[in-house]
N, C-alpha and C. Protein backbone atom coordinates (compact mmCIF):
# COMPACT_ATOMS: atom_id res chain seq x y z
N GLN A 1 53.39 -95.81 -28.62
CA GLN A 1 54.33 -94.76 -28.21
C GLN A 1 55.13 -95.25 -27.00
N VAL A 2 56.43 -95.13 -27.09
CA VAL A 2 57.30 -95.59 -26.01
C VAL A 2 57.45 -94.49 -24.98
N GLN A 3 57.27 -94.85 -23.73
CA GLN A 3 57.48 -93.90 -22.63
C GLN A 3 58.30 -94.55 -21.54
N LEU A 4 59.19 -93.77 -20.96
CA LEU A 4 60.00 -94.19 -19.83
C LEU A 4 59.76 -93.21 -18.69
N VAL A 5 59.48 -93.73 -17.52
CA VAL A 5 59.20 -92.87 -16.38
C VAL A 5 60.11 -93.27 -15.23
N GLU A 6 60.98 -92.34 -14.82
CA GLU A 6 61.88 -92.60 -13.70
C GLU A 6 61.22 -92.18 -12.38
N SER A 7 61.63 -92.81 -11.33
CA SER A 7 61.21 -92.43 -9.99
C SER A 7 62.29 -92.85 -9.01
N GLY A 8 62.18 -92.34 -7.79
CA GLY A 8 63.07 -92.78 -6.73
C GLY A 8 64.18 -91.83 -6.36
N GLY A 9 64.30 -90.73 -7.07
CA GLY A 9 65.34 -89.77 -6.71
C GLY A 9 64.99 -89.04 -5.43
N GLY A 10 65.94 -88.24 -4.96
CA GLY A 10 65.70 -87.47 -3.75
C GLY A 10 66.98 -86.96 -3.14
N LEU A 11 66.85 -86.50 -1.91
CA LEU A 11 67.98 -85.96 -1.15
C LEU A 11 68.43 -87.01 -0.14
N VAL A 12 69.72 -87.27 -0.13
CA VAL A 12 70.26 -88.28 0.78
C VAL A 12 71.61 -87.81 1.28
N GLN A 13 71.99 -88.25 2.46
CA GLN A 13 73.29 -87.88 3.01
C GLN A 13 74.38 -88.79 2.46
N VAL A 14 75.60 -88.31 2.57
CA VAL A 14 76.75 -89.11 2.13
C VAL A 14 76.70 -90.49 2.80
N GLY A 15 76.93 -91.50 1.98
CA GLY A 15 76.91 -92.87 2.49
C GLY A 15 75.55 -93.52 2.44
N GLY A 16 74.53 -92.75 2.11
CA GLY A 16 73.18 -93.27 2.05
C GLY A 16 72.89 -94.03 0.76
N SER A 17 71.64 -94.45 0.64
CA SER A 17 71.23 -95.26 -0.50
C SER A 17 69.93 -94.74 -1.10
N LEU A 18 69.78 -94.99 -2.38
CA LEU A 18 68.54 -94.73 -3.09
C LEU A 18 68.36 -95.83 -4.13
N ARG A 19 67.11 -96.09 -4.47
CA ARG A 19 66.84 -97.01 -5.58
C ARG A 19 65.99 -96.28 -6.61
N LEU A 20 66.55 -96.15 -7.79
CA LEU A 20 65.84 -95.55 -8.90
C LEU A 20 65.11 -96.63 -9.68
N ALA A 21 63.96 -96.25 -10.21
CA ALA A 21 63.19 -97.16 -11.05
C ALA A 21 62.89 -96.48 -12.38
N CYS A 22 62.85 -97.28 -13.41
CA CYS A 22 62.49 -96.80 -14.75
C CYS A 22 61.44 -97.75 -15.29
N ALA A 23 60.22 -97.26 -15.37
CA ALA A 23 59.11 -98.07 -15.86
C ALA A 23 58.85 -97.74 -17.32
N GLY A 24 58.79 -98.78 -18.12
CA GLY A 24 58.59 -98.59 -19.55
C GLY A 24 57.20 -99.00 -20.01
N SER A 25 56.77 -98.33 -21.07
CA SER A 25 55.53 -98.72 -21.74
C SER A 25 55.72 -98.53 -23.23
N GLY A 26 55.00 -99.33 -24.01
CA GLY A 26 55.09 -99.23 -25.46
C GLY A 26 56.23 -100.02 -26.07
N ARG A 27 57.05 -100.63 -25.23
CA ARG A 27 58.19 -101.42 -25.70
C ARG A 27 58.60 -102.36 -24.57
N THR A 28 59.00 -103.57 -24.94
CA THR A 28 59.55 -104.49 -23.95
C THR A 28 61.01 -104.14 -23.75
N LEU A 29 61.33 -103.56 -22.60
CA LEU A 29 62.66 -103.00 -22.37
C LEU A 29 63.76 -104.04 -22.51
N SER A 30 63.50 -105.27 -22.13
CA SER A 30 64.54 -106.29 -22.16
C SER A 30 64.91 -106.72 -23.58
N ASP A 31 64.15 -106.28 -24.58
CA ASP A 31 64.47 -106.61 -25.97
C ASP A 31 65.48 -105.63 -26.57
N TYR A 32 65.82 -104.61 -25.81
CA TYR A 32 66.69 -103.55 -26.30
C TYR A 32 67.76 -103.23 -25.26
N ASN A 33 68.80 -102.51 -25.68
CA ASN A 33 69.73 -101.96 -24.71
C ASN A 33 68.97 -101.01 -23.79
N MET A 34 69.29 -101.07 -22.52
CA MET A 34 68.61 -100.25 -21.52
C MET A 34 69.66 -99.68 -20.58
N ALA A 35 69.71 -98.36 -20.45
CA ALA A 35 70.82 -97.75 -19.72
C ALA A 35 70.36 -96.66 -18.78
N TRP A 36 71.23 -96.37 -17.84
CA TRP A 36 71.14 -95.18 -17.00
C TRP A 36 72.31 -94.26 -17.34
N PHE A 37 71.97 -93.00 -17.51
CA PHE A 37 72.95 -91.95 -17.67
C PHE A 37 72.71 -90.92 -16.57
N ARG A 38 73.66 -90.03 -16.38
CA ARG A 38 73.45 -88.95 -15.43
C ARG A 38 74.13 -87.69 -15.93
N GLN A 39 73.61 -86.57 -15.46
CA GLN A 39 74.19 -85.28 -15.81
C GLN A 39 74.26 -84.43 -14.56
N GLY A 40 75.47 -84.20 -14.10
CA GLY A 40 75.68 -83.36 -12.93
C GLY A 40 75.71 -81.89 -13.29
N PRO A 41 75.64 -81.01 -12.30
CA PRO A 41 75.64 -79.57 -12.58
C PRO A 41 76.91 -79.14 -13.31
N GLY A 42 76.71 -78.52 -14.44
CA GLY A 42 77.84 -78.04 -15.23
C GLY A 42 78.62 -79.12 -15.94
N LYS A 43 78.08 -80.32 -15.98
CA LYS A 43 78.80 -81.43 -16.61
C LYS A 43 78.03 -81.98 -17.79
N GLU A 44 78.72 -82.74 -18.62
CA GLU A 44 78.07 -83.41 -19.72
C GLU A 44 77.39 -84.70 -19.22
N ARG A 45 76.42 -85.15 -20.00
CA ARG A 45 75.76 -86.40 -19.66
C ARG A 45 76.75 -87.55 -19.76
N GLU A 46 76.74 -88.43 -18.77
CA GLU A 46 77.69 -89.54 -18.77
C GLU A 46 76.98 -90.86 -18.52
N PHE A 47 77.56 -91.89 -19.05
CA PHE A 47 77.03 -93.24 -18.90
C PHE A 47 77.28 -93.73 -17.48
N VAL A 48 76.27 -94.45 -16.94
CA VAL A 48 76.39 -95.02 -15.60
C VAL A 48 76.40 -96.55 -15.64
N SER A 49 75.33 -97.11 -16.17
CA SER A 49 75.20 -98.57 -16.15
C SER A 49 74.16 -98.98 -17.19
N ALA A 50 74.24 -100.22 -17.66
CA ALA A 50 73.29 -100.66 -18.67
C ALA A 50 73.17 -102.18 -18.74
N PHE A 51 72.00 -102.60 -19.20
CA PHE A 51 71.81 -103.97 -19.68
C PHE A 51 71.86 -103.90 -21.20
N SER A 52 72.63 -104.76 -21.82
CA SER A 52 72.53 -104.89 -23.26
C SER A 52 71.30 -105.73 -23.60
N TRP A 53 70.92 -105.70 -24.85
CA TRP A 53 69.73 -106.44 -25.28
C TRP A 53 69.87 -107.94 -25.03
N ASP A 54 71.13 -108.42 -24.99
CA ASP A 54 71.36 -109.85 -24.76
C ASP A 54 71.74 -110.15 -23.32
N GLY A 55 71.44 -109.20 -22.42
CA GLY A 55 71.53 -109.48 -21.00
C GLY A 55 72.86 -109.24 -20.32
N ILE A 56 73.81 -108.64 -21.03
CA ILE A 56 75.10 -108.35 -20.42
C ILE A 56 75.02 -107.01 -19.68
N THR A 57 75.64 -106.95 -18.52
CA THR A 57 75.64 -105.73 -17.72
C THR A 57 76.93 -104.95 -17.95
N PHE A 58 76.78 -103.66 -18.14
CA PHE A 58 77.92 -102.77 -18.30
C PHE A 58 77.88 -101.73 -17.17
N ASP A 59 79.00 -101.49 -16.55
CA ASP A 59 79.12 -100.49 -15.49
C ASP A 59 80.35 -99.64 -15.73
N THR A 60 80.26 -98.40 -15.27
CA THR A 60 81.46 -97.57 -15.28
C THR A 60 82.26 -97.83 -14.01
N ASP A 61 83.52 -97.49 -14.05
CA ASP A 61 84.39 -97.77 -12.90
C ASP A 61 83.93 -97.05 -11.65
N PHE A 62 83.37 -95.86 -11.82
CA PHE A 62 83.05 -95.08 -10.62
C PHE A 62 81.82 -95.60 -9.88
N VAL A 63 81.10 -96.57 -10.44
CA VAL A 63 79.95 -97.12 -9.73
C VAL A 63 80.13 -98.57 -9.33
N LYS A 64 81.18 -99.20 -9.83
CA LYS A 64 81.39 -100.61 -9.51
C LYS A 64 81.54 -100.80 -8.00
N GLY A 65 80.80 -101.75 -7.49
CA GLY A 65 80.82 -102.02 -6.06
C GLY A 65 79.85 -101.17 -5.26
N ARG A 66 79.26 -100.16 -5.91
CA ARG A 66 78.31 -99.30 -5.21
C ARG A 66 76.91 -99.34 -5.83
N PHE A 67 76.82 -99.36 -7.14
CA PHE A 67 75.53 -99.34 -7.83
C PHE A 67 75.27 -100.73 -8.42
N THR A 68 74.00 -101.13 -8.37
CA THR A 68 73.62 -102.43 -8.92
C THR A 68 72.39 -102.27 -9.81
N LEU A 69 72.49 -102.83 -10.98
CA LEU A 69 71.40 -102.78 -11.95
C LEU A 69 70.59 -104.07 -11.83
N SER A 70 69.28 -103.93 -11.88
CA SER A 70 68.42 -105.11 -11.88
C SER A 70 67.17 -104.80 -12.67
N ARG A 71 66.37 -105.81 -12.92
CA ARG A 71 65.13 -105.56 -13.64
C ARG A 71 64.07 -106.58 -13.28
N ASP A 72 62.85 -106.14 -13.48
CA ASP A 72 61.68 -106.98 -13.30
C ASP A 72 60.98 -107.02 -14.65
N LYS A 73 61.17 -108.12 -15.36
CA LYS A 73 60.62 -108.19 -16.71
C LYS A 73 59.10 -108.16 -16.69
N ALA A 74 58.50 -108.75 -15.69
CA ALA A 74 57.04 -108.76 -15.61
C ALA A 74 56.47 -107.36 -15.48
N LYS A 75 57.22 -106.47 -14.82
CA LYS A 75 56.78 -105.09 -14.64
C LYS A 75 57.37 -104.17 -15.71
N ASN A 76 58.23 -104.72 -16.58
CA ASN A 76 58.89 -103.92 -17.61
C ASN A 76 59.60 -102.72 -16.98
N THR A 77 60.31 -103.01 -15.91
CA THR A 77 60.95 -101.97 -15.12
C THR A 77 62.41 -102.34 -14.84
N VAL A 78 63.25 -101.33 -14.90
CA VAL A 78 64.67 -101.49 -14.58
C VAL A 78 64.97 -100.65 -13.35
N TYR A 79 65.82 -101.19 -12.49
CA TYR A 79 66.15 -100.51 -11.24
C TYR A 79 67.65 -100.23 -11.17
N LEU A 80 67.98 -99.15 -10.49
CA LEU A 80 69.38 -98.85 -10.19
C LEU A 80 69.48 -98.64 -8.69
N GLN A 81 70.03 -99.63 -8.01
CA GLN A 81 70.25 -99.52 -6.57
C GLN A 81 71.58 -98.81 -6.35
N MET A 82 71.54 -97.71 -5.65
CA MET A 82 72.73 -96.89 -5.43
C MET A 82 73.05 -96.87 -3.95
N ASN A 83 74.19 -97.40 -3.60
CA ASN A 83 74.65 -97.43 -2.20
C ASN A 83 75.93 -96.61 -2.06
N SER A 84 76.27 -96.32 -0.83
CA SER A 84 77.50 -95.58 -0.52
C SER A 84 77.61 -94.31 -1.37
N LEU A 85 76.53 -93.57 -1.42
CA LEU A 85 76.49 -92.39 -2.28
C LEU A 85 77.46 -91.32 -1.83
N LYS A 86 78.00 -90.63 -2.82
CA LYS A 86 78.99 -89.58 -2.60
C LYS A 86 78.45 -88.26 -3.16
N PRO A 87 78.98 -87.14 -2.70
CA PRO A 87 78.52 -85.85 -3.25
C PRO A 87 78.66 -85.77 -4.77
N GLU A 88 79.70 -86.39 -5.32
CA GLU A 88 79.90 -86.34 -6.77
C GLU A 88 78.88 -87.18 -7.54
N ASP A 89 78.05 -87.93 -6.84
CA ASP A 89 76.95 -88.65 -7.49
C ASP A 89 75.74 -87.76 -7.72
N THR A 90 75.78 -86.55 -7.19
CA THR A 90 74.69 -85.60 -7.38
C THR A 90 74.51 -85.30 -8.86
N ALA A 91 73.30 -85.54 -9.36
CA ALA A 91 73.04 -85.38 -10.79
C ALA A 91 71.56 -85.66 -11.05
N VAL A 92 71.15 -85.33 -12.26
CA VAL A 92 69.87 -85.82 -12.77
C VAL A 92 70.15 -87.15 -13.45
N TYR A 93 69.42 -88.16 -13.07
CA TYR A 93 69.61 -89.50 -13.62
C TYR A 93 68.51 -89.79 -14.63
N TYR A 94 68.93 -90.26 -15.79
CA TYR A 94 68.02 -90.56 -16.88
C TYR A 94 68.11 -92.04 -17.25
N CYS A 95 66.97 -92.65 -17.52
CA CYS A 95 67.02 -93.96 -18.13
C CYS A 95 66.74 -93.80 -19.63
N ALA A 96 67.25 -94.75 -20.38
CA ALA A 96 67.14 -94.67 -21.83
C ALA A 96 67.01 -96.07 -22.42
N SER A 97 66.24 -96.13 -23.50
CA SER A 97 66.06 -97.39 -24.21
C SER A 97 66.50 -97.19 -25.65
N GLY A 98 67.30 -98.12 -26.15
CA GLY A 98 67.84 -97.93 -27.48
C GLY A 98 67.84 -99.18 -28.30
N GLY A 99 68.73 -99.18 -29.30
CA GLY A 99 68.81 -100.30 -30.20
C GLY A 99 69.66 -101.42 -29.65
N ARG A 100 70.52 -101.95 -30.48
CA ARG A 100 71.33 -103.09 -30.06
C ARG A 100 72.81 -102.88 -30.27
N VAL A 101 73.21 -101.61 -30.48
CA VAL A 101 74.62 -101.29 -30.60
C VAL A 101 74.94 -100.11 -29.71
N GLY A 102 76.23 -99.90 -29.46
CA GLY A 102 76.66 -98.71 -28.73
C GLY A 102 76.05 -98.58 -27.35
N VAL A 103 76.13 -99.62 -26.54
CA VAL A 103 75.38 -99.65 -25.29
C VAL A 103 75.79 -98.54 -24.32
N THR A 104 77.02 -98.04 -24.41
CA THR A 104 77.46 -97.01 -23.47
C THR A 104 77.37 -95.61 -24.05
N ARG A 105 76.87 -95.48 -25.26
CA ARG A 105 76.86 -94.19 -25.94
C ARG A 105 75.45 -93.59 -25.95
N ALA A 106 75.32 -92.36 -25.48
CA ALA A 106 74.01 -91.71 -25.40
C ALA A 106 73.35 -91.61 -26.77
N VAL A 107 74.14 -91.41 -27.81
CA VAL A 107 73.56 -91.25 -29.16
C VAL A 107 72.89 -92.52 -29.66
N SER A 108 73.16 -93.64 -29.00
CA SER A 108 72.57 -94.91 -29.42
C SER A 108 71.14 -95.10 -28.93
N TYR A 109 70.69 -94.21 -28.06
CA TYR A 109 69.38 -94.38 -27.42
C TYR A 109 68.37 -93.41 -28.01
N ASP A 110 67.20 -93.95 -28.32
CA ASP A 110 66.19 -93.12 -28.96
C ASP A 110 65.04 -92.74 -28.06
N TYR A 111 64.93 -93.36 -26.90
CA TYR A 111 63.88 -92.98 -25.97
C TYR A 111 64.50 -92.71 -24.60
N TRP A 112 64.07 -91.59 -24.01
CA TRP A 112 64.61 -91.15 -22.73
C TRP A 112 63.49 -90.81 -21.77
N GLY A 113 63.74 -91.04 -20.50
CA GLY A 113 62.83 -90.57 -19.48
C GLY A 113 63.04 -89.10 -19.20
N GLN A 114 62.25 -88.57 -18.30
CA GLN A 114 62.30 -87.13 -18.00
C GLN A 114 63.41 -86.80 -17.01
N GLY A 115 63.95 -87.80 -16.36
CA GLY A 115 65.03 -87.60 -15.40
C GLY A 115 64.50 -87.51 -13.98
N THR A 116 65.35 -87.92 -13.05
CA THR A 116 65.03 -87.80 -11.63
C THR A 116 66.26 -87.28 -10.91
N GLN A 117 66.06 -86.29 -10.06
CA GLN A 117 67.17 -85.63 -9.38
C GLN A 117 67.64 -86.44 -8.18
N VAL A 118 68.94 -86.63 -8.12
CA VAL A 118 69.58 -87.23 -6.94
C VAL A 118 70.55 -86.21 -6.38
N THR A 119 70.36 -85.89 -5.12
CA THR A 119 71.24 -84.94 -4.45
C THR A 119 71.83 -85.59 -3.21
N VAL A 120 73.16 -85.59 -3.14
CA VAL A 120 73.86 -86.20 -2.02
C VAL A 120 74.51 -85.07 -1.22
N SER A 121 74.10 -84.92 0.01
CA SER A 121 74.62 -83.83 0.84
C SER A 121 75.72 -84.34 1.76
N SER A 122 76.69 -83.46 1.98
CA SER A 122 77.81 -83.84 2.84
C SER A 122 77.66 -83.26 4.22
């Protein structure tokens, strides 16, 4: 059974940093597309960043230069380092593991974590 467990969310002031972690079990995450999505209050879930199964990194424009994706294959864990946080980054952040197509599309992912809340206060 595949499980994804996020951690690292919390309350931070504008300009602060957080590092989210997504620990996987039941599947080697690096063999599949692995992504972070987020859903802000009253908004639809949106793509943030991802590793494709072949190691390519995908980022959205609104996180480029601020968020960095990394992973520890030995720990089967993916990290999202978030710097220079803004109030509009407030959301529940989800990690997801999927197949090998549609890396930026939520429908392409079949396993999701429970989410971790990130709140950026101004």
